[in-house]
Amino acid sequence: MKKLELKFQNEEDKTVTITLDEPVEPADPALINTAMDAIIAANCFYSNGGDLVTKKEARIVERNVEEIQL
């Protein structure tokens, strides 16, 4: 399963990650950048280290799990 991770820095300079399942691909960097700016401007997410203040990175992560019969 693929996930889109949006990483921000908060007021205490700690990384805060917002994860979204099943992102649209191919990813549109301009749209992601605009969405992250909107998240910061709206101050709509709570962080223990204070408000989100800057964008750090965005990435798509894929995790594959293969179960082993015991």
C-alpha atoms as a PDB file:
ATOM      1  CA  MET A   1       0.000   0.000   0.000  1.00  0.00           C
ATOM      2  CA  LYS A   2       1.267   3.461  -0.885  1.00  0.00           C
ATOM      3  CA  LYS A   3       0.979   6.492   1.376  1.00  0.00           C
ATOM      4  CA  LEU A   4       1.705  10.165   0.898  1.00  0.00           C
ATOM      5  CA  GLU A   5       3.676  11.619   3.799  1.00  0.00           C
ATOM      6  CA  LEU A   6       3.625  15.380   4.316  1.00  0.00           C
ATOM      7  CA  LYS A   7       6.361  16.417   6.747  1.00  0.00           C
ATOM      8  CA  PHE A   8       6.395  19.764   8.548  1.00  0.00           C
ATOM      9  CA  GLN A   9       8.522  21.448  11.216  1.00  0.00           C
ATOM     10  CA  ASN A  10       6.690  22.762  14.270  1.00  0.00           C
ATOM     11  CA  GLU A  11       7.576  25.638  16.596  1.00  0.00           C
ATOM     12  CA  GLU A  12       9.917  23.373  18.611  1.00  0.00           C
ATOM     13  CA  ASP A  13      11.722  22.402  15.388  1.00  0.00           C
ATOM     14  CA  LYS A  14      10.374  18.850  15.586  1.00  0.00           C
ATOM     15  CA  THR A  15       9.095  16.936  12.558  1.00  0.00           C
ATOM     16  CA  VAL A  16       5.342  16.371  12.293  1.00  0.00           C
ATOM     17  CA  THR A  17       4.069  13.904   9.674  1.00  0.00           C
ATOM     18  CA  ILE A  18       0.594  13.835   8.153  1.00  0.00           C
ATOM     19  CA  THR A  19      -0.036  10.590   6.258  1.00  0.00           C
ATOM     20  CA  LEU A  20      -2.639  10.076   3.531  1.00  0.00           C
ATOM     21  CA  ASP A  21      -3.547   6.623   2.170  1.00  0.00           C
ATOM     22  CA  GLU A  22      -3.680   5.794  -1.543  1.00  0.00           C
ATOM     23  CA  PRO A  23      -2.355   9.019  -3.082  1.00  0.00           C
ATOM     24  CA  VAL A  24      -3.144   9.963  -6.672  1.00  0.00           C
ATOM     25  CA  GLU A  25      -0.259   9.157  -8.969  1.00  0.00           C
ATOM     26  CA  PRO A  26       1.703  10.575 -10.547  1.00  0.00           C
ATOM     27  CA  ALA A  27       2.089  13.060  -7.709  1.00  0.00           C
ATOM     28  CA  ASP A  28       1.749  16.738  -8.652  1.00  0.00           C
ATOM     29  CA  PRO A  29       4.500  18.652  -6.781  1.00  0.00           C
ATOM     30  CA  ALA A  30       2.816  22.036  -7.331  1.00  0.00           C
ATOM     31  CA  LEU A  31      -0.487  20.778  -5.918  1.00  0.00           C
ATOM     32  CA  ILE A  32       1.217  19.160  -2.921  1.00  0.00           C
ATOM     33  CA  ASN A  33       3.159  22.374  -2.264  1.00  0.00           C
ATOM     34  CA  THR A  34      -0.054  24.417  -2.385  1.00  0.00           C
ATOM     35  CA  ALA A  35      -1.840  21.974  -0.065  1.00  0.00           C
ATOM     36  CA  MET A  36       1.004  22.103   2.462  1.00  0.00           C
ATOM     37  CA  ASP A  37       0.965  25.925   2.380  1.00  0.00           C
ATOM     38  CA  ALA A  38      -2.804  25.829   3.005  1.00  0.00           C
ATOM     39  CA  ILE A  39      -2.356  23.454   5.971  1.00  0.00           C
ATOM     40  CA  ILE A  40       0.196  25.809   7.544  1.00  0.00           C
ATOM     41  CA  ALA A  41      -1.931  28.916   6.870  1.00  0.00           C
ATOM     42  CA  ALA A  42      -5.125  27.325   8.253  1.00  0.00           C
ATOM     43  CA  ASN A  43      -3.346  26.047  11.383  1.00  0.00           C
ATOM     44  CA  CYS A  44      -5.787  23.130  11.301  1.00  0.00           C
ATOM     45  CA  PHE A  45      -3.661  20.388  12.901  1.00  0.00           C
ATOM     46  CA  TYR A  46      -2.569  20.078  16.523  1.00  0.00           C
ATOM     47  CA  SER A  47       1.052  19.348  17.388  1.00  0.00           C
ATOM     48  CA  ASN A  48       2.523  18.824  20.866  1.00  0.00           C
ATOM     49  CA  GLY A  49       5.429  21.048  19.837  1.00  0.00           C
ATOM     50  CA  GLY A  50       3.295  23.982  18.749  1.00  0.00           C
ATOM     51  CA  ASP A  51       1.976  25.173  15.407  1.00  0.00           C
ATOM     52  CA  LEU A  52       3.284  23.853  12.102  1.00  0.00           C
ATOM     53  CA  VAL A  53       5.589  26.560  10.774  1.00  0.00           C
ATOM     54  CA  THR A  54       7.463  25.250   7.727  1.00  0.00           C
ATOM     55  CA  LYS A  55       7.375  22.513   5.110  1.00  0.00           C
ATOM     56  CA  LYS A  56      10.119  19.916   5.400  1.00  0.00           C
ATOM     57  CA  GLU A  57       9.363  17.357   2.676  1.00  0.00           C
ATOM     58  CA  ALA A  58       6.722  15.276   0.959  1.00  0.00           C
ATOM     59  CA  ARG A  59       7.168  11.722  -0.203  1.00  0.00           C
ATOM     60  CA  ILE A  60       5.295   8.656  -1.351  1.00  0.00           C
ATOM     61  CA  VAL A  61       6.123   5.569   0.692  1.00  0.00           C
ATOM     62  CA  GLU A  62       5.257   2.025  -0.315  1.00  0.00           C
ATOM     63  CA  ARG A  63       5.164  -0.825   2.155  1.00  0.00           C
ATOM     64  CA  ASN A  64       5.067  -4.439   1.035  1.00  0.00           C
ATOM     65  CA  VAL A  65       4.252  -7.161   3.529  1.00  0.00           C
ATOM     66  CA  GLU A  66       4.743 -10.832   2.827  1.00  0.00           C
ATOM     67  CA  GLU A  67       3.391 -13.160   5.469  1.00  0.00           C
ATOM     68  CA  ILE A  68       5.313 -16.305   6.303  1.00  0.00           C
ATOM     69  CA  GLN A  69       3.418 -19.490   7.084  1.00  0.00           C
ATOM     70  CA  LEU A  70       4.572 -21.001  10.370  1.00  0.00           C
END
